[in-house]
C-alpha atoms as a PDB file:
ATOM      1  CA  MET A   1       0.088   0.164   0.080  1.00  0.00           C
ATOM      2  CA  PRO A   2       1.214   3.414  -0.790  1.00  0.00           C
ATOM      3  CA  LEU A   3       0.397   5.871   1.951  1.00  0.00           C
ATOM      4  CA  TRP A   4       0.926   9.771   1.161  1.00  0.00           C
ATOM      5  CA  ILE A   5       0.331  11.723   3.903  1.00  0.00           C
ATOM      6  CA  ILE A   6       0.527  15.355   2.308  1.00  0.00           C
ATOM      7  CA  TYR A   7       0.751  18.071   4.959  1.00  0.00           C
ATOM      8  CA  HIS A   8      -0.070  21.581   4.025  1.00  0.00           C
ATOM      9  CA  SER A   9      -1.225  25.317   5.167  1.00  0.00           C
ATOM     10  CA  PRO A  10      -5.236  25.153   4.479  1.00  0.00           C
ATOM     11  CA  SER A  11      -4.918  27.812   1.677  1.00  0.00           C
ATOM     12  CA  THR A  12      -2.908  25.405  -0.607  1.00  0.00           C
ATOM     13  CA  PHE A  13      -4.912  22.484  -1.868  1.00  0.00           C
ATOM     14  CA  ALA A  14      -8.327  23.794  -0.917  1.00  0.00           C
ATOM     15  CA  SER A  15     -10.727  22.678  -3.327  1.00  0.00           C
ATOM     16  CA  PRO A  16     -11.885  18.934  -3.858  1.00  0.00           C
ATOM     17  CA  GLN A  17     -11.118  19.081  -7.414  1.00  0.00           C
ATOM     18  CA  THR A  18      -7.601  19.956  -7.070  1.00  0.00           C
ATOM     19  CA  LYS A  19      -7.381  17.168  -3.779  1.00  0.00           C
ATOM     20  CA  GLN A  20      -9.059  14.235  -6.326  1.00  0.00           C
ATOM     21  CA  ALA A  21      -6.694  15.303  -9.427  1.00  0.00           C
ATOM     22  CA  LEU A  22      -3.583  15.603  -7.335  1.00  0.00           C
ATOM     23  CA  ALA A  23      -5.067  11.543  -5.533  1.00  0.00           C
ATOM     24  CA  ALA A  24      -5.793  10.566  -9.608  1.00  0.00           C
ATOM     25  CA  SER A  25      -2.405  11.457 -10.866  1.00  0.00           C
ATOM     26  CA  ILE A  26      -0.603   9.639  -7.902  1.00  0.00           C
ATOM     27  CA  THR A  27      -1.985   6.747  -8.277  1.00  0.00           C
ATOM     28  CA  ALA A  28      -1.447   6.595 -11.763  1.00  0.00           C
ATOM     29  CA  ILE A  29       1.865   6.040 -11.364  1.00  0.00           C
ATOM     30  CA  TYR A  30       1.318   2.684  -8.978  1.00  0.00           C
ATOM     31  CA  LEU A  31      -1.264   1.450 -11.363  1.00  0.00           C
ATOM     32  CA  ALA A  32       1.360   1.796 -13.822  1.00  0.00           C
ATOM     33  CA  ALA A  33       3.558  -0.464 -12.133  1.00  0.00           C
ATOM     34  CA  GLY A  34       0.464  -2.961 -11.809  1.00  0.00           C
ATOM     35  CA  LEU A  35      -0.712  -2.481  -8.845  1.00  0.00           C
ATOM     36  CA  PRO A  36      -4.263  -2.438  -7.472  1.00  0.00           C
ATOM     37  CA  ALA A  37      -5.819   1.636  -7.622  1.00  0.00           C
ATOM     38  CA  PHE A  38      -7.370   0.617  -3.678  1.00  0.00           C
ATOM     39  CA  TYR A  39      -4.093   0.205  -2.502  1.00  0.00           C
ATOM     40  CA  VAL A  40      -2.976   3.891  -3.027  1.00  0.00           C
ATOM     41  CA  ASN A  41      -4.329   5.787  -0.237  1.00  0.00           C
ATOM     42  CA  VAL A  42      -3.905   9.844   0.131  1.00  0.00           C
ATOM     43  CA  LEU A  43      -4.365  12.255   2.782  1.00  0.00           C
ATOM     44  CA  PHE A  44      -4.332  15.720   2.446  1.00  0.00           C
ATOM     45  CA  GLN A  45      -3.677  17.062   6.489  1.00  0.00           C
ATOM     46  CA  PRO A  46      -4.054  20.390   6.775  1.00  0.00           C
ATOM     47  CA  VAL A  47      -2.221  22.547   9.529  1.00  0.00           C
ATOM     48  CA  GLU A  48      -2.709  26.066  10.601  1.00  0.00           C
ATOM     49  CA  PRO A  49       0.460  27.816   9.594  1.00  0.00           C
ATOM     50  CA  THR A  50       1.077  28.983  13.724  1.00  0.00           C
ATOM     51  CA  SER A  51       1.345  24.784  13.796  1.00  0.00           C
ATOM     52  CA  PHE A  52       3.686  24.731  10.795  1.00  0.00           C
ATOM     53  CA  TYR A  53       7.674  25.712  11.198  1.00  0.00           C
ATOM     54  CA  VAL A  54      10.285  25.184   9.162  1.00  0.00           C
ATOM     55  CA  GLY A  55      13.305  26.499  10.427  1.00  0.00           C
ATOM     56  CA  GLY A  56      11.327  28.076  13.672  1.00  0.00           C
ATOM     57  CA  VAL A  57       9.638  29.710  11.590  1.00  0.00           C
ATOM     58  CA  ALA A  58       5.385  29.460  11.268  1.00  0.00           C
ATOM     59  CA  ARG A  59       4.908  28.847   7.362  1.00  0.00           C
ATOM     60  CA  PRO A  60       3.424  30.518   5.532  1.00  0.00           C
ATOM     61  CA  ALA A  61       4.933  33.484   8.251  1.00  0.00           C
ATOM     62  CA  MET A  62       1.697  35.667   9.315  1.00  0.00           C
ATOM     63  CA  GLY A  63       1.054  39.227   8.962  1.00  0.00           C
ATOM     64  CA  VAL A  64       4.585  39.233   6.340  1.00  0.00           C
ATOM     65  CA  GLU A  65       4.055  41.347   3.372  1.00  0.00           C
ATOM     66  CA  ASP A  66       7.614  41.493   2.595  1.00  0.00           C
ATOM     67  CA  ALA A  67       8.810  41.004  -1.133  1.00  0.00           C
ATOM     68  CA  ASP A  68      12.358  40.762  -2.608  1.00  0.00           C
ATOM     69  CA  ALA A  69      13.873  43.163  -5.305  1.00  0.00           C
ATOM     70  CA  ASP A  70      12.408  41.015  -7.912  1.00  0.00           C
ATOM     71  CA  GLY A  71       8.654  41.154  -6.083  1.00  0.00           C
ATOM     72  CA  GLU A  72       9.119  37.587  -5.055  1.00  0.00           C
ATOM     73  CA  LYS A  73       7.261  36.525  -1.736  1.00  0.00           C
ATOM     74  CA  GLU A  74      10.471  35.284   1.131  1.00  0.00           C
ATOM     75  CA  SER A  75      10.575  31.619   1.528  1.00  0.00           C
ATOM     76  CA  ARG A  76       8.666  32.477   4.360  1.00  0.00           C
ATOM     77  CA  GLU A  77       6.062  33.779   3.446  1.00  0.00           C
ATOM     78  CA  ARG A  78       5.169  30.958   0.988  1.00  0.00           C
ATOM     79  CA  PRO A  79       3.747  27.840   2.438  1.00  0.00           C
ATOM     80  CA  PHE A  80       5.388  24.958   2.778  1.00  0.00           C
ATOM     81  CA  VAL A  81       4.595  21.471   1.797  1.00  0.00           C
ATOM     82  CA  ARG A  82       5.790  18.108   3.732  1.00  0.00           C
ATOM     83  CA  ILE A  83       5.302  14.616   1.785  1.00  0.00           C
ATOM     84  CA  THR A  84       5.450  11.469   3.721  1.00  0.00           C
ATOM     85  CA  ILE A  85       4.585   8.766   1.457  1.00  0.00           C
ATOM     86  CA  GLN A  86       5.261   4.943   2.627  1.00  0.00           C
ATOM     87  CA  HIS A  87       5.487   2.066   0.474  1.00  0.00           C
ATOM     88  CA  LEU A  88       4.386  -2.043   1.396  1.00  0.00           C
ATOM     89  CA  ALA A  89       3.230  -3.272  -0.991  1.00  0.00           C
ATOM     90  CA  ARG A  90       6.646  -2.712  -3.370  1.00  0.00           C
ATOM     91  CA  GLN A  91      10.477  -1.658  -2.874  1.00  0.00           C
ATOM     92  CA  LEU A  92      12.125   0.213  -5.189  1.00  0.00           C
ATOM     93  CA  PRO A  93      15.065  -2.816  -5.396  1.00  0.00           C
ATOM     94  CA  ASN A  94      17.351  -0.485  -7.326  1.00  0.00           C
ATOM     95  CA  ASP A  95      19.412   2.958  -8.048  1.00  0.00           C
ATOM     96  CA  THR A  96      17.895   2.795 -11.441  1.00  0.00           C
ATOM     97  CA  VAL A  97      14.118   2.005 -10.279  1.00  0.00           C
ATOM     98  CA  ARG A  98      14.312   4.464  -7.312  1.00  0.00           C
ATOM     99  CA  ASP A  99      15.234   7.420  -9.389  1.00  0.00           C
ATOM    100  CA  ASN A 100      12.698   6.662 -12.261  1.00  0.00           C
ATOM    101  CA  PHE A 101      10.207   6.371  -9.425  1.00  0.00           C
ATOM    102  CA  LEU A 102      11.172   9.823  -7.886  1.00  0.00           C
ATOM    103  CA  ASN A 103      11.161  11.268 -11.503  1.00  0.00           C
ATOM    104  CA  LYS A 104       7.497  10.321 -11.560  1.00  0.00           C
ATOM    105  CA  VAL A 105       7.034  11.879  -8.059  1.00  0.00           C
ATOM    106  CA  ASP A 106       8.271  15.179  -9.068  1.00  0.00           C
ATOM    107  CA  ALA A 107       6.521  14.815 -12.377  1.00  0.00           C
ATOM    108  CA  VAL A 108       3.316  14.061 -10.212  1.00  0.00           C
ATOM    109  CA  LEU A 109       3.673  16.996  -7.981  1.00  0.00           C
ATOM    110  CA  LYS A 110       5.124  19.956  -9.808  1.00  0.00           C
ATOM    111  CA  PRO A 111       1.691  21.384 -11.205  1.00  0.00           C
ATOM    112  CA  TYR A 112       0.780  21.190  -7.936  1.00  0.00           C
ATOM    113  CA  ILE A 113       3.329  22.687  -5.893  1.00  0.00           C
ATOM    114  CA  ALA A 114       6.538  23.771  -7.868  1.00  0.00           C
ATOM    115  CA  ASP A 115       4.537  25.870 -10.624  1.00  0.00           C
ATOM    116  CA  ARG A 116       2.760  27.246  -7.367  1.00  0.00           C
ATOM    117  CA  GLY A 117       5.620  28.790  -5.929  1.00  0.00           C
ATOM    118  CA  TYR A 118       5.128  26.290  -3.285  1.00  0.00           C
ATOM    119  CA  ASP A 119       8.501  25.363  -0.826  1.00  0.00           C
ATOM    120  CA  TRP A 120       8.195  21.406  -0.261  1.00  0.00           C
ATOM    121  CA  GLU A 121      10.093  18.635   0.421  1.00  0.00           C
ATOM    122  CA  TYR A 122       8.709  14.560   0.508  1.00  0.00           C
ATOM    123  CA  THR A 123      10.650  11.395   1.804  1.00  0.00           C
ATOM    124  CA  VAL A 124       9.585   8.162   0.617  1.00  0.00           C
ATOM    125  CA  GLU A 125      10.041   5.568   3.279  1.00  0.00           C
ATOM    126  CA  GLU A 126       9.917   1.501   2.363  1.00  0.00           C
ATOM    127  CA  LEU A 127       8.120  -0.416   5.208  1.00  0.00           C
ATOM    128  CA  ARG A 128       8.318  -4.209   5.853  1.00  0.00           C
ATOM    129  CA  ARG A 129       5.392  -5.554   4.048  1.00  0.00           C
ATOM    130  CA  ASP A 130       5.188  -9.215   6.402  1.00  0.00           C
ATOM    131  CA  LEU A 131       3.844  -6.536   8.632  1.00  0.00           C
ATOM    132  CA  TRP A 132       1.159  -5.143   6.887  1.00  0.00           C
ATOM    133  CA  LYS A 133      -3.100  -6.679   5.872  1.00  0.00           C
ATOM    134  CA  VAL A 134      -5.836  -5.616   3.923  1.00  0.00           C
ATOM    135  CA  GLN A 135      -9.178  -6.778   5.497  1.00  0.00           C
ATOM    136  CA  GLY A 136      -7.749  -8.461   7.881  1.00  0.00           C
ATOM    137  CA  MET A 137      -5.582 -10.224   5.023  1.00  0.00           C
ATOM    138  CA  VAL A 138      -1.745 -10.834   3.779  1.00  0.00           C
ATOM    139  CA  PRO A 139      -2.175  -9.512   0.435  1.00  0.00           C
ATOM    140  CA  PRO A 140      -0.678 -11.794  -1.631  1.00  0.00           C
ATOM    141  CA  MET A 141       2.754 -11.737  -3.294  1.00  0.00           C
ATOM    142  CA  PRO A 142       3.407  -8.877  -6.303  1.00  0.00           C
ATOM    143  CA  GLY A 143       2.589 -10.377  -9.578  1.00  0.00           C
ATOM    144  CA  THR A 144       0.547 -13.702  -8.226  1.00  0.00           C
ATOM    145  CA  GLU A 145      -2.434 -15.059  -9.426  1.00  0.00           C
ATOM    146  CA  ALA A 146      -4.082 -13.831  -6.022  1.00  0.00           C
ATOM    147  CA  GLU A 147      -3.175 -10.383  -6.588  1.00  0.00           C
ATOM    148  CA  LYS A 148      -4.005 -10.086 -10.733  1.00  0.00           C
ATOM    149  CA  GLU A 149      -7.388 -10.840  -8.941  1.00  0.00           C
ATOM    150  CA  TRP A 150      -7.411  -8.304  -6.550  1.00  0.00           C
ATOM    151  CA  VAL A 151      -6.132  -5.455  -9.348  1.00  0.00           C
ATOM    152  CA  ARG A 152      -9.105  -6.598 -12.048  1.00  0.00           C
ATOM    153  CA  LEU A 153     -11.847  -6.649  -9.022  1.00  0.00           C
ATOM    154  CA  GLY A 154     -10.660  -3.148  -7.382  1.00  0.00           C
ATOM    155  CA  LYS A 155     -10.503  -4.973  -3.904  1.00  0.00           C
ATOM    156  CA  ALA A 156      -9.468  -7.538  -1.793  1.00  0.00           C
ATOM    157  CA  VAL A 157     -11.030 -10.694  -1.998  1.00  0.00           C
ATOM    158  CA  GLU A 158      -9.761 -14.235   0.100  1.00  0.00           C
ATOM    159  CA  PHE A 159      -7.935 -16.211  -2.081  1.00  0.00           C
ATOM    160  CA  GLU A 160      -6.306 -19.737  -1.841  1.00  0.00           C
ATOM    161  CA  SER A 161      -2.449 -19.688  -0.569  1.00  0.00           C
ATOM    162  CA  GLU A 162      -1.345 -21.314  -3.369  1.00  0.00           C
ATOM    163  CA  LYS A 163      -2.528 -18.490  -5.735  1.00  0.00           C
ATOM    164  CA  GLY A 164      -1.206 -15.733  -3.517  1.00  0.00           C
ATOM    165  CA  VAL A 165       2.767 -16.758  -3.166  1.00  0.00           C
ATOM    166  CA  SER A 166       5.707 -15.942  -5.344  1.00  0.00           C
ATOM    167  CA  ASN A 167       6.959 -18.568  -7.561  1.00  0.00           C
ATOM    168  CA  LEU A 168      10.353 -15.787  -7.720  1.00  0.00           C
END
């Protein structure tokens, strides 16, 4: 299960349409890798500026109206978006796969964050698959007949254990 938690000020990602579009773009990354859509969870977590500090300064700083010589807002005035991405269903097995994934993440986030002038960062955590259950079941291994059935149905269903074990 990829779990994305997007921490942001209430003024960013304010419309349901923006949230839905970003969540759909994120989900598309994983669909292209063969994961079921229902594995992908995206949580938008608004955080008030008085509770969101970067370097000891609220982001965006309240009541600050300064701009630099080019008219750009100073960093402390721009919203800051912090994203945590957790992976359980798949791991990034090598540098090439990792770099390709990070490039896809950057491309998906760009129109929603970078192009809007927000400051941002993200981390990807790879967690132990053996500590994960869906609907009380240990999910089938990647590429197995049972996982393909989960993809086809778009939900977790019981499966015979031999159909969920990888032959790799």
